[in-house]
Amino acid sequence: MSKTTPATQALAKAGLAFTLATYDYDPNAERVGLQAAEAMGASPGEVFKTLMAELDGKPVCAILPSDEEVNMKKLAAALGGKSAQMMKPVDAERLTGYKVGGISPLGQRKPVPTALDELAMLYDEIFLNGGQRGLQIRIRPADLVTALDCVVADLVR
């Protein structure tokens, strides 16, 4: 597995500290984030998933704990829109340049408005997808906010 992805390159270019963790990705897992947490021996609350959505017809990104579900109304409000819905997987892959199960909010083909759930701020460091199935980035939440210039808000149900 290559540990150099557009996501890791974006962090290195920004001069932000991060470490990498790998795990055996299970393509049959019901919930990828929970499987990643279990495989790495991490709490599901500190392993964050990346969800691609559409807000008033335009692409956005939501980052939230793997054991939570996004509240679309809260996501829309956080990013200043009216209505949000999940993006189709094929559209998410085309937009980001990553495969589902490996989508990172970092290093996407085209940056989109992004919201990070406020629960991230409870941790010194969180895990999030590194741009490849089985690769996780461990980073300080404040550094992630800097890297993505994202909004921090309550996004979960």
C-alpha atoms as a PDB file:
ATOM      1  CA  MET A   1       0.000   0.000   0.000  1.00  0.00           C
ATOM      2  CA  SER A   2       1.308   3.409  -0.968  1.00  0.00           C
ATOM      3  CA  LYS A   3       1.325   5.847   1.900  1.00  0.00           C
ATOM      4  CA  THR A   4       1.539   8.844  -0.407  1.00  0.00           C
ATOM      5  CA  THR A   5      -1.867  10.068  -1.498  1.00  0.00           C
ATOM      6  CA  PRO A   6      -3.217  13.485  -2.494  1.00  0.00           C
ATOM      7  CA  ALA A   7      -4.430  13.759   1.132  1.00  0.00           C
ATOM      8  CA  THR A   8      -0.997  13.169   2.677  1.00  0.00           C
ATOM      9  CA  GLN A   9       0.620  15.431   0.073  1.00  0.00           C
ATOM     10  CA  ALA A  10      -1.823  18.246   0.938  1.00  0.00           C
ATOM     11  CA  LEU A  11      -0.918  18.001   4.636  1.00  0.00           C
ATOM     12  CA  ALA A  12       2.814  17.841   3.938  1.00  0.00           C
ATOM     13  CA  LYS A  13       2.568  20.860   1.618  1.00  0.00           C
ATOM     14  CA  ALA A  14       0.699  22.779   4.340  1.00  0.00           C
ATOM     15  CA  GLY A  15       3.429  21.862   6.855  1.00  0.00           C
ATOM     16  CA  LEU A  16       0.955  20.258   9.255  1.00  0.00           C
ATOM     17  CA  ALA A  17       1.939  17.396  11.564  1.00  0.00           C
ATOM     18  CA  PHE A  18       0.229  14.046  11.097  1.00  0.00           C
ATOM     19  CA  THR A  19       0.924  10.351  11.412  1.00  0.00           C
ATOM     20  CA  LEU A  20      -0.416   7.417   9.436  1.00  0.00           C
ATOM     21  CA  ALA A  21      -2.076   4.215  10.539  1.00  0.00           C
ATOM     22  CA  THR A  22      -2.982   1.257   8.378  1.00  0.00           C
ATOM     23  CA  TYR A  23      -5.520  -1.499   8.865  1.00  0.00           C
ATOM     24  CA  ASP A  24      -6.951  -4.410   6.905  1.00  0.00           C
ATOM     25  CA  TYR A  25      -9.862  -2.923   4.989  1.00  0.00           C
ATOM     26  CA  ASP A  26     -12.913  -5.189   4.818  1.00  0.00           C
ATOM     27  CA  PRO A  27     -14.904  -4.488   1.631  1.00  0.00           C
ATOM     28  CA  ASN A  28     -17.864  -6.365   3.128  1.00  0.00           C
ATOM     29  CA  ALA A  29     -18.069  -4.288   6.310  1.00  0.00           C
ATOM     30  CA  GLU A  30     -21.475  -2.721   6.875  1.00  0.00           C
ATOM     31  CA  ARG A  31     -19.918   0.493   8.204  1.00  0.00           C
ATOM     32  CA  VAL A  32     -16.369   1.212   7.039  1.00  0.00           C
ATOM     33  CA  GLY A  33     -15.544   3.699   9.820  1.00  0.00           C
ATOM     34  CA  LEU A  34     -16.571   1.309  12.567  1.00  0.00           C
ATOM     35  CA  GLN A  35     -14.589  -1.494  10.956  1.00  0.00           C
ATOM     36  CA  ALA A  36     -11.537   0.796  10.746  1.00  0.00           C
ATOM     37  CA  ALA A  37     -11.856   1.723  14.433  1.00  0.00           C
ATOM     38  CA  GLU A  38     -12.117  -1.909  15.468  1.00  0.00           C
ATOM     39  CA  ALA A  39      -9.208  -2.990  13.265  1.00  0.00           C
ATOM     40  CA  MET A  40      -6.977  -0.235  14.711  1.00  0.00           C
ATOM     41  CA  GLY A  41      -8.134  -0.726  18.316  1.00  0.00           C
ATOM     42  CA  ALA A  42      -9.416   2.857  18.435  1.00  0.00           C
ATOM     43  CA  SER A  43     -12.627   4.263  19.865  1.00  0.00           C
ATOM     44  CA  PRO A  44     -15.318   4.681  17.162  1.00  0.00           C
ATOM     45  CA  GLY A  45     -15.778   8.253  18.407  1.00  0.00           C
ATOM     46  CA  GLU A  46     -12.217   9.231  17.484  1.00  0.00           C
ATOM     47  CA  VAL A  47     -12.326   7.682  13.996  1.00  0.00           C
ATOM     48  CA  PHE A  48     -14.081  10.129  11.685  1.00  0.00           C
ATOM     49  CA  LYS A  49     -15.796   9.329   8.401  1.00  0.00           C
ATOM     50  CA  THR A  50     -15.992  11.506   5.319  1.00  0.00           C
ATOM     51  CA  LEU A  51     -19.393  11.857   3.698  1.00  0.00           C
ATOM     52  CA  MET A  52     -20.015  13.620   0.414  1.00  0.00           C
ATOM     53  CA  ALA A  53     -23.364  15.347   0.084  1.00  0.00           C
ATOM     54  CA  GLU A  54     -25.171  17.847  -2.089  1.00  0.00           C
ATOM     55  CA  LEU A  55     -26.333  21.123  -0.590  1.00  0.00           C
ATOM     56  CA  ASP A  56     -28.869  22.940  -2.756  1.00  0.00           C
ATOM     57  CA  GLY A  57     -27.468  20.926  -5.678  1.00  0.00           C
ATOM     58  CA  LYS A  58     -23.790  21.742  -5.011  1.00  0.00           C
ATOM     59  CA  PRO A  59     -21.188  19.340  -3.541  1.00  0.00           C
ATOM     60  CA  VAL A  60     -20.169  19.567   0.117  1.00  0.00           C
ATOM     61  CA  CYS A  61     -18.273  17.387   2.557  1.00  0.00           C
ATOM     62  CA  ALA A  62     -19.179  16.354   6.118  1.00  0.00           C
ATOM     63  CA  ILE A  63     -16.717  14.827   8.576  1.00  0.00           C
ATOM     64  CA  LEU A  64     -18.199  13.129  11.629  1.00  0.00           C
ATOM     65  CA  PRO A  65     -17.516  10.324  14.117  1.00  0.00           C
ATOM     66  CA  SER A  66     -17.829   6.871  12.571  1.00  0.00           C
ATOM     67  CA  ASP A  67     -20.421   5.837  15.154  1.00  0.00           C
ATOM     68  CA  GLU A  68     -22.764   8.769  14.391  1.00  0.00           C
ATOM     69  CA  GLU A  69     -25.170   9.662  11.581  1.00  0.00           C
ATOM     70  CA  VAL A  70     -25.265  13.014   9.839  1.00  0.00           C
ATOM     71  CA  ASN A  71     -28.304  15.220  10.342  1.00  0.00           C
ATOM     72  CA  MET A  72     -28.911  16.736   6.908  1.00  0.00           C
ATOM     73  CA  LYS A  73     -30.741  19.773   8.300  1.00  0.00           C
ATOM     74  CA  LYS A  74     -27.821  20.554  10.619  1.00  0.00           C
ATOM     75  CA  LEU A  75     -25.349  20.076   7.735  1.00  0.00           C
ATOM     76  CA  ALA A  76     -27.347  22.449   5.529  1.00  0.00           C
ATOM     77  CA  ALA A  77     -27.530  25.052   8.291  1.00  0.00           C
ATOM     78  CA  ALA A  78     -23.805  24.760   9.078  1.00  0.00           C
ATOM     79  CA  LEU A  79     -22.878  25.461   5.463  1.00  0.00           C
ATOM     80  CA  GLY A  80     -25.498  28.139   4.865  1.00  0.00           C
ATOM     81  CA  GLY A  81     -27.895  26.201   2.662  1.00  0.00           C
ATOM     82  CA  LYS A  82     -31.478  25.032   2.678  1.00  0.00           C
ATOM     83  CA  SER A  83     -31.492  21.342   1.772  1.00  0.00           C
ATOM     84  CA  ALA A  84     -28.834  18.622   1.867  1.00  0.00           C
ATOM     85  CA  GLN A  85     -28.860  15.026   0.696  1.00  0.00           C
ATOM     86  CA  MET A  86     -26.257  12.287   0.352  1.00  0.00           C
ATOM     87  CA  MET A  87     -24.322  12.203  -2.899  1.00  0.00           C
ATOM     88  CA  LYS A  88     -24.451   9.039  -5.018  1.00  0.00           C
ATOM     89  CA  PRO A  89     -21.263   6.967  -4.528  1.00  0.00           C
ATOM     90  CA  VAL A  90     -20.323   7.130  -8.219  1.00  0.00           C
ATOM     91  CA  ASP A  91     -20.615  10.939  -8.132  1.00  0.00           C
ATOM     92  CA  ALA A  92     -18.547  11.126  -4.926  1.00  0.00           C
ATOM     93  CA  GLU A  93     -15.785   9.058  -6.522  1.00  0.00           C
ATOM     94  CA  ARG A  94     -15.757  11.149  -9.696  1.00  0.00           C
ATOM     95  CA  LEU A  95     -15.728  14.435  -7.755  1.00  0.00           C
ATOM     96  CA  THR A  96     -13.084  13.536  -5.164  1.00  0.00           C
ATOM     97  CA  GLY A  97     -10.789  11.242  -7.132  1.00  0.00           C
ATOM     98  CA  TYR A  98     -11.026   8.667  -4.338  1.00  0.00           C
ATOM     99  CA  LYS A  99     -12.839   5.337  -4.077  1.00  0.00           C
ATOM    100  CA  VAL A 100     -15.734   4.955  -1.626  1.00  0.00           C
ATOM    101  CA  GLY A 101     -14.256   3.505   1.558  1.00  0.00           C
ATOM    102  CA  GLY A 102     -11.153   5.614   0.963  1.00  0.00           C
ATOM    103  CA  ILE A 103     -12.557   9.120   0.496  1.00  0.00           C
ATOM    104  CA  SER A 104     -10.574  11.748   2.372  1.00  0.00           C
ATOM    105  CA  PRO A 105     -11.684  15.335   2.867  1.00  0.00           C
ATOM    106  CA  LEU A 106      -8.080  16.323   2.083  1.00  0.00           C
ATOM    107  CA  GLY A 107      -6.570  16.482  -1.389  1.00  0.00           C
ATOM    108  CA  GLN A 108      -9.836  16.132  -3.284  1.00  0.00           C
ATOM    109  CA  ARG A 109      -9.774  16.995  -6.993  1.00  0.00           C
ATOM    110  CA  LYS A 110     -11.798  20.122  -6.329  1.00  0.00           C
ATOM    111  CA  PRO A 111     -12.104  21.637  -2.839  1.00  0.00           C
ATOM    112  CA  VAL A 112     -15.702  21.874  -1.633  1.00  0.00           C
ATOM    113  CA  PRO A 113     -17.277  23.539   1.408  1.00  0.00           C
ATOM    114  CA  THR A 114     -16.622  21.254   4.367  1.00  0.00           C
ATOM    115  CA  ALA A 115     -18.031  20.903   7.874  1.00  0.00           C
ATOM    116  CA  LEU A 116     -16.353  19.043  10.733  1.00  0.00           C
ATOM    117  CA  ASP A 117     -18.527  17.815  13.578  1.00  0.00           C
ATOM    118  CA  GLU A 118     -17.789  19.639  16.830  1.00  0.00           C
ATOM    119  CA  LEU A 119     -17.198  16.319  18.641  1.00  0.00           C
ATOM    120  CA  ALA A 120     -13.753  16.282  16.994  1.00  0.00           C
ATOM    121  CA  MET A 121     -12.685  19.070  19.324  1.00  0.00           C
ATOM    122  CA  LEU A 122     -13.055  16.750  22.332  1.00  0.00           C
ATOM    123  CA  TYR A 123      -9.965  14.798  21.198  1.00  0.00           C
ATOM    124  CA  ASP A 124      -6.288  15.689  21.106  1.00  0.00           C
ATOM    125  CA  GLU A 125      -6.081  13.801  17.809  1.00  0.00           C
ATOM    126  CA  ILE A 126      -8.581  12.116  15.511  1.00  0.00           C
ATOM    127  CA  PHE A 127      -8.309   9.606  12.699  1.00  0.00           C
ATOM    128  CA  LEU A 128      -9.752  10.192   9.251  1.00  0.00           C
ATOM    129  CA  ASN A 129      -9.380   8.562   5.894  1.00  0.00           C
ATOM    130  CA  GLY A 130      -6.039   9.074   4.213  1.00  0.00           C
ATOM    131  CA  GLY A 131      -7.288   8.763   0.657  1.00  0.00           C
ATOM    132  CA  GLN A 132      -6.971   5.019   0.318  1.00  0.00           C
ATOM    133  CA  ARG A 133      -8.866   2.053   1.709  1.00  0.00           C
ATOM    134  CA  GLY A 134      -7.011   0.863   4.791  1.00  0.00           C
ATOM    135  CA  LEU A 135      -5.071   4.107   5.343  1.00  0.00           C
ATOM    136  CA  GLN A 136      -5.916   6.532   8.156  1.00  0.00           C
ATOM    137  CA  ILE A 137      -4.414   9.931   8.981  1.00  0.00           C
ATOM    138  CA  ARG A 138      -4.063  10.870  12.652  1.00  0.00           C
ATOM    139  CA  ILE A 139      -4.160  14.628  13.129  1.00  0.00           C
ATOM    140  CA  ARG A 140      -5.019  17.345  15.627  1.00  0.00           C
ATOM    141  CA  PRO A 141      -8.560  18.625  14.940  1.00  0.00           C
ATOM    142  CA  ALA A 142      -7.359  22.253  14.907  1.00  0.00           C
ATOM    143  CA  ASP A 143      -4.805  21.365  12.204  1.00  0.00           C
ATOM    144  CA  LEU A 144      -7.538  19.692  10.160  1.00  0.00           C
ATOM    145  CA  VAL A 145      -9.646  22.861  10.414  1.00  0.00           C
ATOM    146  CA  THR A 146      -6.626  24.861   9.209  1.00  0.00           C
ATOM    147  CA  ALA A 147      -5.936  22.469   6.324  1.00  0.00           C
ATOM    148  CA  LEU A 148      -9.533  22.434   5.104  1.00  0.00           C
ATOM    149  CA  ASP A 149     -10.616  25.932   6.135  1.00  0.00           C
ATOM    150  CA  CYS A 150     -13.774  24.179   7.306  1.00  0.00           C
ATOM    151  CA  VAL A 151     -16.694  25.025   9.536  1.00  0.00           C
ATOM    152  CA  VAL A 152     -16.947  23.311  12.941  1.00  0.00           C
ATOM    153  CA  ALA A 153     -20.570  22.607  13.897  1.00  0.00           C
ATOM    154  CA  ASP A 154     -22.991  20.125  15.413  1.00  0.00           C
ATOM    155  CA  LEU A 155     -23.758  17.762  12.503  1.00  0.00           C
ATOM    156  CA  VAL A 156     -25.066  14.618  14.164  1.00  0.00           C
ATOM    157  CA  ARG A 157     -28.579  13.407  14.912  1.00  0.00           C
END
